[in-house]
Amino acid sequence: RHGRTFTVTAAGQYFYRHGKDLLVSVDFLI
């Protein structure tokens, strides 16, 4: 976080990519 802006960390980029896959899988399950 940089005041009112932010950048995504390397860990955040990893979590974002795989988090999207997880949401698709959960939606498919539902």
PDB file of all heavy atoms in Angstrom:
ATOM      1  N   ARG A   1       0.834  -1.200   0.000  1.00  0.00           N
ATOM      2  CA  ARG A   1       0.000   0.000   0.000  1.00  0.00           C
ATOM      3  C   ARG A   1       0.870   1.252   0.000  1.00  0.00           C
ATOM      4  O   ARG A   1       1.847   1.342   0.760  1.00  0.00           O
ATOM      5  CB  ARG A   1      -0.942  -0.015   1.202  1.00  0.00           C
ATOM      6  CG  ARG A   1      -1.963  -1.167   1.135  1.00  0.00           C
ATOM      7  CD  ARG A   1      -2.633  -1.410   2.474  1.00  0.00           C
ATOM      8  NE  ARG A   1      -3.666  -2.432   2.397  1.00  0.00           N
ATOM      9  CZ  ARG A   1      -3.421  -3.748   2.420  1.00  0.00           C
ATOM     10  NH1 ARG A   1      -2.165  -4.185   2.493  1.00  0.00           N
ATOM     11  NH2 ARG A   1      -4.413  -4.614   2.365  1.00  0.00           N
ATOM     12  N   HIS A   2       0.496   2.226  -0.836  1.00  0.00           N
ATOM     13  CA  HIS A   2       1.215   3.486  -0.939  1.00  0.00           C
ATOM     14  C   HIS A   2       0.181   4.607  -0.857  1.00  0.00           C
ATOM     15  O   HIS A   2      -0.255   5.148  -1.876  1.00  0.00           O
ATOM     16  CB  HIS A   2       1.980   3.581  -2.268  1.00  0.00           C
ATOM     17  CG  HIS A   2       2.741   2.343  -2.625  1.00  0.00           C
ATOM     18  ND1 HIS A   2       3.917   1.972  -2.007  1.00  0.00           N
ATOM     19  CD2 HIS A   2       2.475   1.375  -3.540  1.00  0.00           C
ATOM     20  CE1 HIS A   2       4.358   0.839  -2.539  1.00  0.00           C
ATOM     21  NE2 HIS A   2       3.490   0.449  -3.456  1.00  0.00           N
ATOM     22  N   GLY A   3      -0.234   4.936   0.352  1.00  0.00           N
ATOM     23  CA  GLY A   3      -1.294   5.921   0.522  1.00  0.00           C
ATOM     24  C   GLY A   3      -2.601   5.375  -0.015  1.00  0.00           C
ATOM     25  O   GLY A   3      -3.119   4.371   0.470  1.00  0.00           O
ATOM     26  N   ARG A   4      -3.133   6.035  -1.067  1.00  0.00           N
ATOM     27  CA  ARG A   4      -4.397   5.600  -1.648  1.00  0.00           C
ATOM     28  C   ARG A   4      -4.205   4.642  -2.818  1.00  0.00           C
ATOM     29  O   ARG A   4      -5.172   4.205  -3.431  1.00  0.00           O
ATOM     30  CB  ARG A   4      -5.206   6.812  -2.119  1.00  0.00           C
ATOM     31  CG  ARG A   4      -5.656   7.707  -0.971  1.00  0.00           C
ATOM     32  CD  ARG A   4      -6.611   8.772  -1.478  1.00  0.00           C
ATOM     33  NE  ARG A   4      -7.135   9.580  -0.386  1.00  0.00           N
ATOM     34  CZ  ARG A   4      -8.059  10.532  -0.530  1.00  0.00           C
ATOM     35  NH1 ARG A   4      -8.550  10.773  -1.746  1.00  0.00           N
ATOM     36  NH2 ARG A   4      -8.472  11.226   0.492  1.00  0.00           N
ATOM     37  N   THR A   5      -2.970   4.339  -3.152  1.00  0.00           N
ATOM     38  CA  THR A   5      -2.681   3.408  -4.242  1.00  0.00           C
ATOM     39  C   THR A   5      -2.021   2.158  -3.682  1.00  0.00           C
ATOM     40  O   THR A   5      -1.675   2.093  -2.499  1.00  0.00           O
ATOM     41  CB  THR A   5      -1.763   4.058  -5.296  1.00  0.00           C
ATOM     42  OG1 THR A   5      -0.498   4.353  -4.677  1.00  0.00           O
ATOM     43  CG2 THR A   5      -2.391   5.332  -5.844  1.00  0.00           C
ATOM     44  N   PHE A   6      -1.845   1.184  -4.533  1.00  0.00           N
ATOM     45  CA  PHE A   6      -1.213  -0.064  -4.103  1.00  0.00           C
ATOM     46  C   PHE A   6      -0.612  -0.772  -5.306  1.00  0.00           C
ATOM     47  O   PHE A   6      -0.974  -0.489  -6.449  1.00  0.00           O
ATOM     48  CB  PHE A   6      -2.218  -1.002  -3.412  1.00  0.00           C
ATOM     49  CG  PHE A   6      -3.332  -1.473  -4.314  1.00  0.00           C
ATOM     50  CD1 PHE A   6      -3.161  -2.593  -5.131  1.00  0.00           C
ATOM     51  CD2 PHE A   6      -4.547  -0.807  -4.358  1.00  0.00           C
ATOM     52  CE1 PHE A   6      -4.173  -3.017  -5.965  1.00  0.00           C
ATOM     53  CE2 PHE A   6      -5.566  -1.233  -5.206  1.00  0.00           C
ATOM     54  CZ  PHE A   6      -5.376  -2.342  -6.010  1.00  0.00           C
ATOM     55  N   THR A   7       0.316  -1.669  -5.044  1.00  0.00           N
ATOM     56  CA  THR A   7       0.829  -2.597  -6.051  1.00  0.00           C
ATOM     57  C   THR A   7       0.645  -4.004  -5.503  1.00  0.00           C
ATOM     58  O   THR A   7       0.593  -4.214  -4.281  1.00  0.00           O
ATOM     59  CB  THR A   7       2.313  -2.352  -6.362  1.00  0.00           C
ATOM     60  OG1 THR A   7       3.075  -2.438  -5.137  1.00  0.00           O
ATOM     61  CG2 THR A   7       2.517  -0.991  -7.003  1.00  0.00           C
ATOM     62  N   VAL A   8       0.522  -4.947  -6.405  1.00  0.00           N
ATOM     63  CA  VAL A   8       0.322  -6.339  -6.016  1.00  0.00           C
ATOM     64  C   VAL A   8       1.692  -6.990  -5.829  1.00  0.00           C
ATOM     65  O   VAL A   8       2.548  -6.910  -6.717  1.00  0.00           O
ATOM     66  CB  VAL A   8      -0.488  -7.103  -7.074  1.00  0.00           C
ATOM     67  CG1 VAL A   8      -0.768  -8.535  -6.622  1.00  0.00           C
ATOM     68  CG2 VAL A   8      -1.803  -6.380  -7.369  1.00  0.00           C
ATOM     69  N   THR A   9       1.925  -7.616  -4.684  1.00  0.00           N
ATOM     70  CA  THR A   9       3.195  -8.284  -4.420  1.00  0.00           C
ATOM     71  C   THR A   9       3.300  -9.566  -5.247  1.00  0.00           C
ATOM     72  O   THR A   9       2.319 -10.013  -5.846  1.00  0.00           O
ATOM     73  CB  THR A   9       3.333  -8.632  -2.934  1.00  0.00           C
ATOM     74  OG1 THR A   9       2.341  -9.621  -2.598  1.00  0.00           O
ATOM     75  CG2 THR A   9       3.142  -7.407  -2.049  1.00  0.00           C
ATOM     76  N   ALA A  10       4.482 -10.159  -5.258  1.00  0.00           N
ATOM     77  CA  ALA A  10       4.660 -11.433  -5.966  1.00  0.00           C
ATOM     78  C   ALA A  10       3.740 -12.494  -5.377  1.00  0.00           C
ATOM     79  O   ALA A  10       3.126 -13.294  -6.101  1.00  0.00           O
ATOM     80  CB  ALA A  10       6.121 -11.875  -5.883  1.00  0.00           C
ATOM     81  N   ALA A  11       3.613 -12.488  -4.047  1.00  0.00           N
ATOM     82  CA  ALA A  11       2.705 -13.438  -3.393  1.00  0.00           C
ATOM     83  C   ALA A  11       1.257 -13.152  -3.794  1.00  0.00           C
ATOM     84  O   ALA A  11       0.455 -14.068  -4.008  1.00  0.00           O
ATOM     85  CB  ALA A  11       2.862 -13.358  -1.875  1.00  0.00           C
ATOM     86  N   GLY A  12       0.929 -11.856  -3.917  1.00  0.00           N
ATOM     87  CA  GLY A  12      -0.419 -11.475  -4.320  1.00  0.00           C
ATOM     88  C   GLY A  12      -0.740 -11.900  -5.744  1.00  0.00           C
ATOM     89  O   GLY A  12      -1.855 -12.333  -6.034  1.00  0.00           O
ATOM     90  N   GLN A  13       0.245 -11.786  -6.634  1.00  0.00           N
ATOM     91  CA  GLN A  13       0.037 -12.215  -8.017  1.00  0.00           C
ATOM     92  C   GLN A  13      -0.195 -13.721  -8.089  1.00  0.00           C
ATOM     93  O   GLN A  13      -1.063 -14.198  -8.844  1.00  0.00           O
ATOM     94  CB  GLN A  13       1.249 -11.816  -8.854  1.00  0.00           C
ATOM     95  CG  GLN A  13       1.399 -10.311  -9.024  1.00  0.00           C
ATOM     96  CD  GLN A  13       2.708  -9.922  -9.680  1.00  0.00           C
ATOM     97  OE1 GLN A  13       3.511 -10.792 -10.039  1.00  0.00           O
ATOM     98  NE2 GLN A  13       2.951  -8.634  -9.825  1.00  0.00           N
ATOM     99  N   TYR A  14       0.570 -14.467  -7.296  1.00  0.00           N
ATOM    100  CA  TYR A  14       0.391 -15.925  -7.252  1.00  0.00           C
ATOM    101  C   TYR A  14      -0.999 -16.261  -6.708  1.00  0.00           C
ATOM    102  O   TYR A  14      -1.720 -17.092  -7.264  1.00  0.00           O
ATOM    103  CB  TYR A  14       1.471 -16.541  -6.369  1.00  0.00           C
ATOM    104  CG  TYR A  14       1.299 -18.027  -6.128  1.00  0.00           C
ATOM    105  CD1 TYR A  14       1.796 -18.960  -7.031  1.00  0.00           C
ATOM    106  CD2 TYR A  14       0.628 -18.499  -4.999  1.00  0.00           C
ATOM    107  CE1 TYR A  14       1.635 -20.319  -6.821  1.00  0.00           C
ATOM    108  CE2 TYR A  14       0.458 -19.853  -4.780  1.00  0.00           C
ATOM    109  CZ  TYR A  14       0.972 -20.764  -5.689  1.00  0.00           C
ATOM    110  OH  TYR A  14       0.800 -22.102  -5.484  1.00  0.00           O
ATOM    111  N   PHE A  15      -1.392 -15.581  -5.629  1.00  0.00           N
ATOM    112  CA  PHE A  15      -2.683 -15.859  -4.997  1.00  0.00           C
ATOM    113  C   PHE A  15      -3.824 -15.472  -5.931  1.00  0.00           C
ATOM    114  O   PHE A  15      -4.848 -16.161  -5.995  1.00  0.00           O
ATOM    115  CB  PHE A  15      -2.792 -15.089  -3.676  1.00  0.00           C
ATOM    116  CG  PHE A  15      -3.930 -15.528  -2.817  1.00  0.00           C
ATOM    117  CD1 PHE A  15      -3.829 -16.667  -2.026  1.00  0.00           C
ATOM    118  CD2 PHE A  15      -5.114 -14.797  -2.785  1.00  0.00           C
ATOM    119  CE1 PHE A  15      -4.887 -17.073  -1.226  1.00  0.00           C
ATOM    120  CE2 PHE A  15      -6.163 -15.204  -1.993  1.00  0.00           C
ATOM    121  CZ  PHE A  15      -6.054 -16.345  -1.212  1.00  0.00           C
ATOM    122  N   TYR A  16      -3.636 -14.385  -6.674  1.00  0.00           N
ATOM    123  CA  TYR A  16      -4.669 -13.940  -7.615  1.00  0.00           C
ATOM    124  C   TYR A  16      -4.899 -14.979  -8.706  1.00  0.00           C
ATOM    125  O   TYR A  16      -6.040 -15.360  -8.992  1.00  0.00           O
ATOM    126  CB  TYR A  16      -4.248 -12.600  -8.229  1.00  0.00           C
ATOM    127  CG  TYR A  16      -5.083 -12.190  -9.424  1.00  0.00           C
ATOM    128  CD1 TYR A  16      -6.374 -11.699  -9.261  1.00  0.00           C
ATOM    129  CD2 TYR A  16      -4.574 -12.317 -10.713  1.00  0.00           C
ATOM    130  CE1 TYR A  16      -7.137 -11.326 -10.354  1.00  0.00           C
ATOM    131  CE2 TYR A  16      -5.336 -11.948 -11.818  1.00  0.00           C
ATOM    132  CZ  TYR A  16      -6.613 -11.459 -11.633  1.00  0.00           C
ATOM    133  OH  TYR A  16      -7.372 -11.100 -12.713  1.00  0.00           O
ATOM    134  N   ARG A  17      -3.789 -15.455  -9.337  1.00  0.00           N
ATOM    135  CA  ARG A  17      -3.930 -16.426 -10.426  1.00  0.00           C
ATOM    136  C   ARG A  17      -4.625 -17.692  -9.962  1.00  0.00           C
ATOM    137  O   ARG A  17      -5.568 -18.174 -10.609  1.00  0.00           O
ATOM    138  CB  ARG A  17      -2.554 -16.775 -11.001  1.00  0.00           C
ATOM    139  CG  ARG A  17      -1.888 -15.655 -11.782  1.00  0.00           C
ATOM    140  CD  ARG A  17      -0.723 -16.188 -12.602  1.00  0.00           C
ATOM    141  NE  ARG A  17       0.258 -16.896 -11.772  1.00  0.00           N
ATOM    142  CZ  ARG A  17       1.273 -16.316 -11.166  1.00  0.00           C
ATOM    143  NH1 ARG A  17       1.451 -15.005 -11.275  1.00  0.00           N
ATOM    144  NH2 ARG A  17       2.129 -17.030 -10.451  1.00  0.00           N
ATOM    145  N   HIS A  18      -4.180 -18.245  -8.886  1.00  0.00           N
ATOM    146  CA  HIS A  18      -4.746 -19.513  -8.424  1.00  0.00           C
ATOM    147  C   HIS A  18      -6.087 -19.313  -7.718  1.00  0.00           C
ATOM    148  O   HIS A  18      -6.923 -20.230  -7.701  1.00  0.00           O
ATOM    149  CB  HIS A  18      -3.744 -20.226  -7.522  1.00  0.00           C
ATOM    150  CG  HIS A  18      -2.509 -20.677  -8.251  1.00  0.00           C
ATOM    151  ND1 HIS A  18      -2.475 -21.821  -9.019  1.00  0.00           N
ATOM    152  CD2 HIS A  18      -1.288 -20.105  -8.372  1.00  0.00           C
ATOM    153  CE1 HIS A  18      -1.280 -21.951  -9.564  1.00  0.00           C
ATOM    154  NE2 HIS A  18      -0.543 -20.930  -9.192  1.00  0.00           N
ATOM    155  N   GLY A  19      -6.285 -18.118  -7.158  1.00  0.00           N
ATOM    156  CA  GLY A  19      -7.576 -17.831  -6.545  1.00  0.00           C
ATOM    157  C   GLY A  19      -8.688 -17.796  -7.579  1.00  0.00           C
ATOM    158  O   GLY A  19      -9.809 -18.262  -7.329  1.00  0.00           O
ATOM    159  N   LYS A  20      -8.377 -17.267  -8.770  1.00  0.00           N
ATOM    160  CA  LYS A  20      -9.379 -17.259  -9.843  1.00  0.00           C
ATOM    161  C   LYS A  20      -9.755 -18.683 -10.249  1.00  0.00           C
ATOM    162  O   LYS A  20     -10.929 -18.988 -10.473  1.00  0.00           O
ATOM    163  CB  LYS A  20      -8.846 -16.492 -11.052  1.00  0.00           C
ATOM    164  CG  LYS A  20      -8.779 -14.992 -10.868  1.00  0.00           C
ATOM    165  CD  LYS A  20      -8.557 -14.268 -12.180  1.00  0.00           C
ATOM    166  CE  LYS A  20      -9.757 -14.327 -13.072  1.00  0.00           C
ATOM    167  NZ  LYS A  20      -9.630 -13.508 -14.278  1.00  0.00           N
ATOM    168  N   ASP A  21      -8.749 -19.544 -10.356  1.00  0.00           N
ATOM    169  CA  ASP A  21      -9.034 -20.949 -10.690  1.00  0.00           C
ATOM    170  C   ASP A  21      -9.910 -21.591  -9.622  1.00  0.00           C
ATOM    171  O   ASP A  21     -10.821 -22.374  -9.940  1.00  0.00           O
ATOM    172  CB  ASP A  21      -7.721 -21.730 -10.820  1.00  0.00           C
ATOM    173  CG  ASP A  21      -6.897 -21.301 -12.021  1.00  0.00           C
ATOM    174  OD1 ASP A  21      -7.475 -20.731 -12.960  1.00  0.00           O
ATOM    175  OD2 ASP A  21      -5.678 -21.547 -12.015  1.00  0.00           O
ATOM    176  N   LEU A  22      -9.634 -21.250  -8.373  1.00  0.00           N
ATOM    177  CA  LEU A  22     -10.417 -21.813  -7.261  1.00  0.00           C
ATOM    178  C   LEU A  22     -11.870 -21.363  -7.338  1.00  0.00           C
ATOM    179  O   LEU A  22     -12.794 -22.172  -7.155  1.00  0.00           O
ATOM    180  CB  LEU A  22      -9.801 -21.398  -5.926  1.00  0.00           C
ATOM    181  CG  LEU A  22     -10.561 -21.849  -4.669  1.00  0.00           C
ATOM    182  CD1 LEU A  22     -10.610 -23.370  -4.587  1.00  0.00           C
ATOM    183  CD2 LEU A  22      -9.921 -21.263  -3.421  1.00  0.00           C
ATOM    184  N   LEU A  23     -12.094 -20.100  -7.645  1.00  0.00           N
ATOM    185  CA  LEU A  23     -13.465 -19.597  -7.740  1.00  0.00           C
ATOM    186  C   LEU A  23     -14.234 -20.281  -8.856  1.00  0.00           C
ATOM    187  O   LEU A  23     -15.418 -20.572  -8.719  1.00  0.00           O
ATOM    188  CB  LEU A  23     -13.454 -18.086  -7.955  1.00  0.00           C
ATOM    189  CG  LEU A  23     -12.968 -17.220  -6.790  1.00  0.00           C
ATOM    190  CD1 LEU A  23     -13.162 -15.749  -7.114  1.00  0.00           C
ATOM    191  CD2 LEU A  23     -13.687 -17.569  -5.492  1.00  0.00           C
ATOM    192  N   VAL A  24     -13.555 -20.510  -9.983  1.00  0.00           N
ATOM    193  CA  VAL A  24     -14.198 -21.221 -11.093  1.00  0.00           C
ATOM    194  C   VAL A  24     -14.591 -22.627 -10.656  1.00  0.00           C
ATOM    195  O   VAL A  24     -15.696 -23.103 -10.944  1.00  0.00           O
ATOM    196  CB  VAL A  24     -13.263 -21.274 -12.320  1.00  0.00           C
ATOM    197  CG1 VAL A  24     -13.824 -22.224 -13.379  1.00  0.00           C
ATOM    198  CG2 VAL A  24     -13.079 -19.888 -12.911  1.00  0.00           C
ATOM    199  N   SER A  25     -13.691 -23.305  -9.932  1.00  0.00           N
ATOM    200  CA  SER A  25     -13.975 -24.666  -9.471  1.00  0.00           C
ATOM    201  C   SER A  25     -15.132 -24.681  -8.481  1.00  0.00           C
ATOM    202  O   SER A  25     -15.997 -25.569  -8.532  1.00  0.00           O
ATOM    203  CB  SER A  25     -12.720 -25.267  -8.824  1.00  0.00           C
ATOM    204  OG  SER A  25     -11.674 -25.379  -9.756  1.00  0.00           O
ATOM    205  N   VAL A  26     -15.165 -23.694  -7.587  1.00  0.00           N
ATOM    206  CA  VAL A  26     -16.247 -23.626  -6.605  1.00  0.00           C
ATOM    207  C   VAL A  26     -17.574 -23.344  -7.305  1.00  0.00           C
ATOM    208  O   VAL A  26     -18.612 -23.948  -6.985  1.00  0.00           O
ATOM    209  CB  VAL A  26     -15.939 -22.553  -5.543  1.00  0.00           C
ATOM    210  CG1 VAL A  26     -17.156 -22.311  -4.653  1.00  0.00           C
ATOM    211  CG2 VAL A  26     -14.749 -22.973  -4.697  1.00  0.00           C
ATOM    212  N   ASP A  27     -17.553 -22.427  -8.272  1.00  0.00           N
ATOM    213  CA  ASP A  27     -18.767 -22.114  -9.020  1.00  0.00           C
ATOM    214  C   ASP A  27     -19.270 -23.342  -9.773  1.00  0.00           C
ATOM    215  O   ASP A  27     -20.477 -23.612  -9.816  1.00  0.00           O
ATOM    216  CB  ASP A  27     -18.478 -20.972  -9.993  1.00  0.00           C
ATOM    217  CG  ASP A  27     -19.737 -20.511 -10.724  1.00  0.00           C
ATOM    218  OD1 ASP A  27     -20.695 -20.115 -10.053  1.00  0.00           O
ATOM    219  OD2 ASP A  27     -19.746 -20.563 -11.971  1.00  0.00           O
ATOM    220  N   PHE A  28     -18.334 -24.096 -10.369  1.00  0.00           N
ATOM    221  CA  PHE A  28     -18.684 -25.331 -11.063  1.00  0.00           C
ATOM    222  C   PHE A  28     -19.314 -26.327 -10.098  1.00  0.00           C
ATOM    223  O   PHE A  28     -20.314 -26.982 -10.410  1.00  0.00           O
ATOM    224  CB  PHE A  28     -17.420 -25.924 -11.687  1.00  0.00           C
ATOM    225  CG  PHE A  28     -17.628 -27.220 -12.407  1.00  0.00           C
ATOM    226  CD1 PHE A  28     -18.156 -27.249 -13.681  1.00  0.00           C
ATOM    227  CD2 PHE A  28     -17.288 -28.422 -11.801  1.00  0.00           C
ATOM    228  CE1 PHE A  28     -18.342 -28.449 -14.342  1.00  0.00           C
ATOM    229  CE2 PHE A  28     -17.474 -29.624 -12.455  1.00  0.00           C
ATOM    230  CZ  PHE A  28     -18.003 -29.635 -13.734  1.00  0.00           C
ATOM    231  N   LEU A  29     -18.739 -26.440  -8.893  1.00  0.00           N
ATOM    232  CA  LEU A  29     -19.267 -27.359  -7.881  1.00  0.00           C
ATOM    233  C   LEU A  29     -20.673 -26.959  -7.463  1.00  0.00           C
ATOM    234  O   LEU A  29     -21.563 -27.809  -7.336  1.00  0.00           O
ATOM    235  CB  LEU A  29     -18.329 -27.362  -6.671  1.00  0.00           C
ATOM    236  CG  LEU A  29     -18.775 -28.179  -5.453  1.00  0.00           C
ATOM    237  CD1 LEU A  29     -18.887 -29.658  -5.803  1.00  0.00           C
ATOM    238  CD2 LEU A  29     -17.805 -27.974  -4.296  1.00  0.00           C
ATOM    239  N   ILE A  30     -20.883 -25.663  -7.273  1.00  0.00           N
ATOM    240  CA  ILE A  30     -22.190 -25.185  -6.842  1.00  0.00           C
ATOM    241  C   ILE A  30     -23.248 -25.468  -7.912  1.00  0.00           C
ATOM    242  O   ILE A  30     -24.326 -25.994  -7.623  1.00  0.00           O
ATOM    243  CB  ILE A  30     -22.129 -23.672  -6.536  1.00  0.00           C
ATOM    244  CG1 ILE A  30     -21.293 -23.429  -5.275  1.00  0.00           C
ATOM    245  CG2 ILE A  30     -23.530 -23.102  -6.350  1.00  0.00           C
ATOM    246  CD1 ILE A  30     -20.989 -21.973  -5.011  1.00  0.00           C
TER     247      ILE A  30
END
